[in-house]
């Protein structure tokens, strides 16, 4: 399985809204992102859905600046 296939599979979550956000980032930004941001995205995909959603909604802070960049990009795609 290629890296992109693995990430695409990990973007499939428990809620359609989360799926759409994550897949949109993967399709539109991931390939142009720096390696540190790509790793941050992969790290975020390892989080449980409730924690990831809380980070996206701004209820808890991302673990580091690279994750913050990913979250900011996710929010921009939704107009949030």
N, C-alpha and C. Protein backbone atom coordinates (compact mmCIF):
# COMPACT_ATOMS: atom_id res chain seq x y z
N UNK A 1 0.85 -1.17 0.00
CA UNK A 1 0.00 0.00 0.00
C UNK A 1 0.90 1.24 0.00
N UNK A 2 0.63 2.17 -0.89
CA UNK A 2 1.43 3.39 -0.95
C UNK A 2 1.08 4.31 0.22
N UNK A 3 1.95 5.27 0.46
CA UNK A 3 1.72 6.24 1.54
C UNK A 3 0.41 6.99 1.33
N UNK A 4 0.14 7.45 0.11
CA UNK A 4 -1.10 8.18 -0.16
C UNK A 4 -2.32 7.28 0.04
N UNK A 5 -2.23 6.04 -0.34
CA UNK A 5 -3.34 5.10 -0.13
C UNK A 5 -3.59 4.89 1.36
N UNK A 6 -2.52 4.76 2.11
CA UNK A 6 -2.64 4.57 3.56
C UNK A 6 -3.29 5.80 4.19
N UNK A 7 -2.83 6.99 3.80
CA UNK A 7 -3.40 8.22 4.35
C UNK A 7 -4.86 8.37 3.94
N UNK A 8 -5.16 8.06 2.70
CA UNK A 8 -6.55 8.15 2.22
C UNK A 8 -7.45 7.24 3.05
N UNK A 9 -6.96 6.04 3.34
CA UNK A 9 -7.73 5.10 4.15
C UNK A 9 -7.91 5.67 5.57
N UNK A 10 -6.89 6.27 6.12
CA UNK A 10 -6.98 6.83 7.47
C UNK A 10 -7.90 8.05 7.53
N UNK A 11 -8.13 8.70 6.40
CA UNK A 11 -9.05 9.84 6.36
C UNK A 11 -10.50 9.40 6.49
N UNK A 12 -10.77 8.15 6.29
CA UNK A 12 -12.13 7.62 6.43
C UNK A 12 -12.41 7.45 7.91
N UNK A 13 -13.24 8.33 8.45
CA UNK A 13 -13.50 8.35 9.88
C UNK A 13 -14.94 7.96 10.18
N UNK A 14 -15.37 8.24 11.38
CA UNK A 14 -16.73 7.88 11.80
C UNK A 14 -17.81 8.85 11.38
N UNK A 15 -17.41 10.03 10.93
CA UNK A 15 -18.41 11.02 10.52
C UNK A 15 -18.09 11.54 9.13
N UNK A 16 -19.12 11.77 8.34
CA UNK A 16 -18.95 12.25 6.98
C UNK A 16 -18.24 13.60 6.95
N UNK A 17 -18.58 14.48 7.89
CA UNK A 17 -17.98 15.81 7.92
C UNK A 17 -16.47 15.73 8.11
N UNK A 18 -16.04 14.87 9.01
CA UNK A 18 -14.61 14.70 9.25
C UNK A 18 -13.94 14.08 8.03
N UNK A 19 -14.60 13.11 7.42
CA UNK A 19 -14.07 12.50 6.19
C UNK A 19 -13.82 13.57 5.13
N UNK A 20 -14.80 14.42 4.92
CA UNK A 20 -14.71 15.44 3.87
C UNK A 20 -13.56 16.41 4.16
N UNK A 21 -13.45 16.88 5.40
CA UNK A 21 -12.37 17.80 5.76
C UNK A 21 -11.00 17.18 5.50
N UNK A 22 -10.81 15.99 5.99
CA UNK A 22 -9.51 15.34 5.90
C UNK A 22 -9.15 14.99 4.46
N UNK A 23 -10.12 14.47 3.72
CA UNK A 23 -9.85 14.12 2.33
C UNK A 23 -9.59 15.37 1.49
N UNK A 24 -10.27 16.45 1.78
CA UNK A 24 -10.04 17.70 1.07
C UNK A 24 -8.60 18.18 1.29
N UNK A 25 -8.14 18.13 2.53
CA UNK A 25 -6.74 18.51 2.81
C UNK A 25 -5.79 17.59 2.04
N UNK A 26 -6.03 16.30 2.12
CA UNK A 26 -5.15 15.34 1.45
C UNK A 26 -5.11 15.60 -0.06
N UNK A 27 -6.24 15.85 -0.65
CA UNK A 27 -6.31 16.05 -2.11
C UNK A 27 -5.78 17.40 -2.57
N UNK A 28 -5.91 18.43 -1.74
CA UNK A 28 -5.61 19.78 -2.20
C UNK A 28 -4.37 20.43 -1.61
N UNK A 29 -3.86 19.91 -0.52
CA UNK A 29 -2.73 20.59 0.10
C UNK A 29 -1.56 19.66 0.44
N UNK A 30 -1.84 18.44 0.78
CA UNK A 30 -0.82 17.54 1.31
C UNK A 30 0.43 17.48 0.43
N UNK A 31 0.26 17.28 -0.85
CA UNK A 31 1.43 17.09 -1.74
C UNK A 31 2.31 18.32 -1.83
N UNK A 32 1.76 19.53 -1.58
CA UNK A 32 2.56 20.76 -1.62
C UNK A 32 3.12 21.14 -0.25
N UNK A 33 2.67 20.47 0.80
CA UNK A 33 3.11 20.81 2.16
C UNK A 33 4.55 20.36 2.39
N UNK A 34 5.22 21.06 3.29
CA UNK A 34 6.56 20.66 3.71
C UNK A 34 6.48 19.34 4.47
N UNK A 35 7.59 18.64 4.54
CA UNK A 35 7.63 17.33 5.19
C UNK A 35 7.13 17.38 6.63
N UNK A 36 7.47 18.44 7.36
CA UNK A 36 7.02 18.55 8.76
C UNK A 36 5.50 18.65 8.85
N UNK A 37 4.90 19.39 7.91
CA UNK A 37 3.43 19.51 7.90
C UNK A 37 2.79 18.19 7.48
N UNK A 38 3.40 17.49 6.53
CA UNK A 38 2.88 16.18 6.13
C UNK A 38 2.90 15.21 7.31
N UNK A 39 3.99 15.25 8.08
CA UNK A 39 4.08 14.38 9.26
C UNK A 39 3.03 14.77 10.29
N UNK A 40 2.81 16.06 10.46
CA UNK A 40 1.80 16.53 11.41
C UNK A 40 0.41 16.03 11.01
N UNK A 41 0.11 16.04 9.71
CA UNK A 41 -1.16 15.52 9.24
C UNK A 41 -1.28 14.04 9.56
N UNK A 42 -0.23 13.29 9.29
CA UNK A 42 -0.23 11.85 9.60
C UNK A 42 -0.42 11.63 11.10
N UNK A 43 0.22 12.46 11.92
CA UNK A 43 0.07 12.35 13.37
C UNK A 43 -1.36 12.63 13.81
N UNK A 44 -1.97 13.64 13.20
CA UNK A 44 -3.37 13.96 13.53
C UNK A 44 -4.29 12.80 13.18
N UNK A 45 -3.99 12.11 12.09
CA UNK A 45 -4.83 10.98 11.69
C UNK A 45 -4.77 9.83 12.69
N UNK A 46 -3.75 9.81 13.52
CA UNK A 46 -3.62 8.76 14.54
C UNK A 46 -4.50 9.03 15.76
N UNK A 47 -5.01 10.25 15.88
CA UNK A 47 -5.82 10.61 17.04
C UNK A 47 -7.22 10.00 16.94
N UNK A 48 -7.84 9.73 18.08
CA UNK A 48 -9.25 9.29 18.06
C UNK A 48 -10.14 10.42 17.54
N UNK A 49 -11.23 10.06 16.90
CA UNK A 49 -12.14 11.04 16.31
C UNK A 49 -12.56 12.16 17.27
N UNK A 50 -12.97 11.84 18.50
CA UNK A 50 -13.41 12.93 19.39
C UNK A 50 -12.29 13.95 19.67
N UNK A 51 -11.08 13.48 19.83
CA UNK A 51 -9.96 14.39 20.09
C UNK A 51 -9.64 15.21 18.84
N UNK A 52 -9.62 14.58 17.68
CA UNK A 52 -9.35 15.30 16.44
C UNK A 52 -10.42 16.36 16.18
N UNK A 53 -11.67 16.00 16.38
CA UNK A 53 -12.76 16.96 16.18
C UNK A 53 -12.66 18.12 17.17
N UNK A 54 -12.29 17.84 18.41
CA UNK A 54 -12.11 18.90 19.41
C UNK A 54 -11.00 19.87 19.01
N UNK A 55 -9.94 19.35 18.42
CA UNK A 55 -8.85 20.21 17.95
C UNK A 55 -9.35 21.07 16.78
N UNK A 56 -10.03 20.47 15.84
CA UNK A 56 -10.54 21.21 14.69
C UNK A 56 -11.53 22.29 15.13
N UNK A 57 -12.36 21.98 16.12
CA UNK A 57 -13.36 22.93 16.60
C UNK A 57 -12.77 24.00 17.53
N UNK A 58 -11.49 23.86 17.86
CA UNK A 58 -10.84 24.85 18.71
C UNK A 58 -11.08 24.65 20.19
N UNK A 59 -11.58 23.50 20.57
CA UNK A 59 -11.83 23.21 21.98
C UNK A 59 -10.56 22.83 22.73
N UNK A 60 -9.62 22.23 22.01
CA UNK A 60 -8.30 21.95 22.57
C UNK A 60 -7.25 22.37 21.55
N UNK A 61 -6.06 22.63 22.01
CA UNK A 61 -4.99 23.11 21.14
C UNK A 61 -4.24 21.96 20.48
N UNK A 62 -3.78 22.18 19.26
CA UNK A 62 -2.92 21.18 18.61
C UNK A 62 -1.63 21.00 19.41
N UNK A 63 -0.98 19.87 19.21
CA UNK A 63 0.22 19.54 19.98
C UNK A 63 1.43 20.40 19.62
N UNK A 64 1.48 20.91 18.37
CA UNK A 64 2.65 21.68 17.95
C UNK A 64 2.28 22.61 16.80
N UNK A 65 3.23 23.41 16.38
CA UNK A 65 3.00 24.40 15.33
C UNK A 65 2.65 23.77 13.99
N UNK A 66 3.25 22.64 13.67
CA UNK A 66 2.95 21.98 12.41
C UNK A 66 1.50 21.50 12.38
N UNK A 67 1.04 20.94 13.51
CA UNK A 67 -0.35 20.53 13.58
C UNK A 67 -1.28 21.74 13.48
N UNK A 68 -0.87 22.85 14.06
CA UNK A 68 -1.66 24.07 13.98
C UNK A 68 -1.80 24.50 12.52
N UNK A 69 -0.74 24.37 11.73
CA UNK A 69 -0.79 24.71 10.30
C UNK A 69 -1.80 23.83 9.57
N UNK A 70 -1.80 22.54 9.88
CA UNK A 70 -2.75 21.62 9.26
C UNK A 70 -4.17 22.00 9.64
N UNK A 71 -4.40 22.25 10.93
CA UNK A 71 -5.73 22.61 11.40
C UNK A 71 -6.19 23.91 10.77
N UNK A 72 -5.31 24.88 10.67
CA UNK A 72 -5.66 26.15 10.02
C UNK A 72 -6.06 25.91 8.56
N UNK A 73 -5.34 25.04 7.87
CA UNK A 73 -5.68 24.73 6.48
C UNK A 73 -7.04 24.03 6.40
N UNK A 74 -7.30 23.13 7.33
CA UNK A 74 -8.60 22.45 7.36
C UNK A 74 -9.72 23.46 7.57
N UNK A 75 -9.51 24.39 8.47
CA UNK A 75 -10.52 25.41 8.75
C UNK A 75 -10.75 26.32 7.55
N UNK A 76 -9.69 26.67 6.84
CA UNK A 76 -9.84 27.54 5.66
C UNK A 76 -10.67 26.87 4.58
N UNK A 77 -10.58 25.57 4.47
CA UNK A 77 -11.34 24.88 3.43
C UNK A 77 -12.83 24.88 3.73
N UNK A 78 -13.19 25.11 4.99
CA UNK A 78 -14.61 25.11 5.35
C UNK A 78 -15.15 26.51 5.54
N UNK A 79 -14.26 27.50 5.55
CA UNK A 79 -14.71 28.87 5.80
C UNK A 79 -14.93 29.15 7.27
N UNK A 80 -14.44 28.24 8.15
CA UNK A 80 -14.62 28.41 9.59
C UNK A 80 -13.71 29.46 10.15
